[in-house]
Amino acid sequence: MRLNIQGLESYPSIKRITVKPQTDRWVFPQTNAGVIVPAEGRITNLDAPQDTPAL
């Protein structure tokens, strides 16, 4: 799945909230619903080794 970050940035009245470093929540004003986007939409490896607990 690919995200159109430029499309989000140009969406009227959308709010970008930084949740933590490298993680943003984009909130749509009409519904107050949002989407959480890690690493500004770049492909990231979210898998952890079996013996390492997820943080």
N, C-alpha and C. Protein backbone atom coordinates (compact mmCIF):
# COMPACT_ATOMS: atom_id res chain seq x y z
N MET A 1 0.84 -1.17 0.00
CA MET A 1 0.00 0.00 0.00
C MET A 1 0.89 1.24 0.00
N ARG A 2 0.52 2.21 -0.80
CA ARG A 2 1.27 3.47 -0.86
C ARG A 2 0.37 4.61 -0.40
N LEU A 3 0.98 5.57 0.27
CA LEU A 3 0.25 6.74 0.73
C LEU A 3 0.67 7.96 -0.06
N ASN A 4 -0.28 8.79 -0.38
CA ASN A 4 0.00 10.03 -1.10
C ASN A 4 0.15 11.14 -0.07
N ILE A 5 1.38 11.35 0.41
CA ILE A 5 1.64 12.34 1.44
C ILE A 5 1.39 13.75 0.90
N GLN A 6 1.74 14.01 -0.35
CA GLN A 6 1.47 15.33 -0.94
C GLN A 6 -0.03 15.60 -0.99
N GLY A 7 -0.81 14.56 -1.26
CA GLY A 7 -2.25 14.71 -1.25
C GLY A 7 -2.78 15.05 0.13
N LEU A 8 -2.23 14.41 1.16
CA LEU A 8 -2.63 14.74 2.53
C LEU A 8 -2.26 16.17 2.87
N GLU A 9 -1.05 16.58 2.50
CA GLU A 9 -0.60 17.94 2.82
C GLU A 9 -1.46 19.00 2.15
N SER A 10 -1.98 18.70 0.97
CA SER A 10 -2.77 19.70 0.24
C SER A 10 -4.27 19.61 0.54
N TYR A 11 -4.69 18.63 1.36
CA TYR A 11 -6.10 18.47 1.70
C TYR A 11 -6.55 19.68 2.53
N PRO A 12 -7.67 20.31 2.18
CA PRO A 12 -8.10 21.52 2.89
C PRO A 12 -8.36 21.27 4.38
N SER A 13 -7.78 22.09 5.21
CA SER A 13 -8.00 22.11 6.67
C SER A 13 -7.56 20.85 7.41
N ILE A 14 -6.77 19.99 6.80
CA ILE A 14 -6.30 18.79 7.51
C ILE A 14 -5.27 19.20 8.55
N LYS A 15 -5.23 18.47 9.66
CA LYS A 15 -4.28 18.77 10.74
C LYS A 15 -3.25 17.65 10.82
N ARG A 16 -2.00 18.04 10.94
CA ARG A 16 -0.91 17.07 11.11
C ARG A 16 -0.42 17.18 12.54
N ILE A 17 -0.55 16.09 13.30
CA ILE A 17 -0.15 16.06 14.70
C ILE A 17 0.99 15.06 14.84
N THR A 18 2.12 15.53 15.38
CA THR A 18 3.25 14.64 15.61
C THR A 18 2.98 13.85 16.88
N VAL A 19 2.83 12.53 16.74
CA VAL A 19 2.56 11.65 17.87
C VAL A 19 3.86 11.37 18.63
N LYS A 20 4.89 11.05 17.88
CA LYS A 20 6.24 10.85 18.41
C LYS A 20 7.18 11.01 17.23
N PRO A 21 8.49 11.06 17.44
CA PRO A 21 9.40 11.22 16.30
C PRO A 21 9.14 10.17 15.22
N GLN A 22 9.06 10.61 13.99
CA GLN A 22 8.85 9.75 12.83
C GLN A 22 7.42 9.18 12.74
N THR A 23 6.48 9.68 13.54
CA THR A 23 5.10 9.20 13.49
C THR A 23 4.15 10.39 13.57
N ASP A 24 3.31 10.53 12.56
CA ASP A 24 2.35 11.63 12.50
C ASP A 24 0.93 11.10 12.40
N ARG A 25 -0.01 11.85 12.95
CA ARG A 25 -1.44 11.54 12.80
C ARG A 25 -2.05 12.67 11.99
N TRP A 26 -2.69 12.32 10.89
CA TRP A 26 -3.37 13.28 10.03
C TRP A 26 -4.86 13.20 10.35
N VAL A 27 -5.45 14.32 10.76
CA VAL A 27 -6.84 14.35 11.19
C VAL A 27 -7.66 15.14 10.18
N PHE A 28 -8.74 14.51 9.69
CA PHE A 28 -9.64 15.15 8.74
C PHE A 28 -10.67 15.99 9.50
N PRO A 29 -10.85 17.26 9.13
CA PRO A 29 -11.71 18.15 9.91
C PRO A 29 -13.20 17.79 9.88
N GLN A 30 -13.70 17.22 8.81
CA GLN A 30 -15.13 16.93 8.69
C GLN A 30 -15.58 15.84 9.65
N THR A 31 -14.75 14.84 9.84
CA THR A 31 -15.15 13.67 10.64
C THR A 31 -14.36 13.54 11.93
N ASN A 32 -13.30 14.31 12.09
CA ASN A 32 -12.39 14.21 13.22
C ASN A 32 -11.73 12.82 13.29
N ALA A 33 -11.82 12.07 12.21
CA ALA A 33 -11.13 10.78 12.09
C ALA A 33 -9.76 11.04 11.50
N GLY A 34 -8.85 10.12 11.72
CA GLY A 34 -7.51 10.34 11.21
C GLY A 34 -6.83 9.06 10.82
N VAL A 35 -5.63 9.23 10.31
CA VAL A 35 -4.79 8.11 9.91
C VAL A 35 -3.40 8.35 10.50
N ILE A 36 -2.79 7.30 11.04
CA ILE A 36 -1.45 7.40 11.60
C ILE A 36 -0.46 6.94 10.55
N VAL A 37 0.54 7.78 10.28
CA VAL A 37 1.51 7.52 9.22
C VAL A 37 2.92 7.48 9.82
N PRO A 38 3.57 6.30 9.80
CA PRO A 38 4.96 6.24 10.26
C PRO A 38 5.92 6.66 9.16
N ALA A 39 7.01 7.29 9.56
CA ALA A 39 8.14 7.61 8.67
C ALA A 39 7.74 8.40 7.44
N GLU A 40 6.77 9.30 7.58
CA GLU A 40 6.30 10.15 6.48
C GLU A 40 5.94 9.35 5.24
N GLY A 41 5.40 8.15 5.44
CA GLY A 41 4.94 7.33 4.33
C GLY A 41 6.00 6.50 3.64
N ARG A 42 7.25 6.60 4.10
CA ARG A 42 8.30 5.77 3.49
C ARG A 42 8.12 4.33 3.92
N ILE A 43 8.62 3.42 3.13
CA ILE A 43 8.55 2.00 3.47
C ILE A 43 9.47 1.75 4.65
N THR A 44 8.92 1.09 5.67
CA THR A 44 9.71 0.78 6.85
C THR A 44 9.56 -0.71 7.19
N ASN A 45 10.52 -1.22 7.92
CA ASN A 45 10.47 -2.60 8.37
C ASN A 45 9.88 -2.60 9.78
N LEU A 46 8.64 -3.04 9.91
CA LEU A 46 7.96 -3.04 11.21
C LEU A 46 8.03 -4.40 11.88
N ASP A 47 8.81 -5.32 11.31
CA ASP A 47 8.93 -6.66 11.87
C ASP A 47 10.03 -6.69 12.91
N ALA A 48 9.81 -7.44 13.98
CA ALA A 48 10.83 -7.59 15.02
C ALA A 48 11.27 -9.04 15.04
N PRO A 49 12.52 -9.29 15.39
CA PRO A 49 12.98 -10.68 15.52
C PRO A 49 12.15 -11.40 16.60
N GLN A 50 12.08 -12.71 16.51
CA GLN A 50 11.24 -13.48 17.43
C GLN A 50 11.65 -13.34 18.89
N ASP A 51 12.94 -13.24 19.16
CA ASP A 51 13.41 -13.19 20.55
C ASP A 51 13.49 -11.78 21.11
N THR A 52 13.08 -10.78 20.33
CA THR A 52 13.17 -9.40 20.78
C THR A 52 11.77 -8.87 21.03
N PRO A 53 11.50 -8.36 22.22
CA PRO A 53 10.15 -7.82 22.47
C PRO A 53 9.94 -6.51 21.70
N ALA A 54 8.73 -6.31 21.24
CA ALA A 54 8.40 -5.07 20.54
C ALA A 54 8.32 -3.94 21.55
N LEU A 55 8.77 -2.77 21.16
CA LEU A 55 8.75 -1.62 22.09
C LEU A 55 7.51 -0.81 21.90
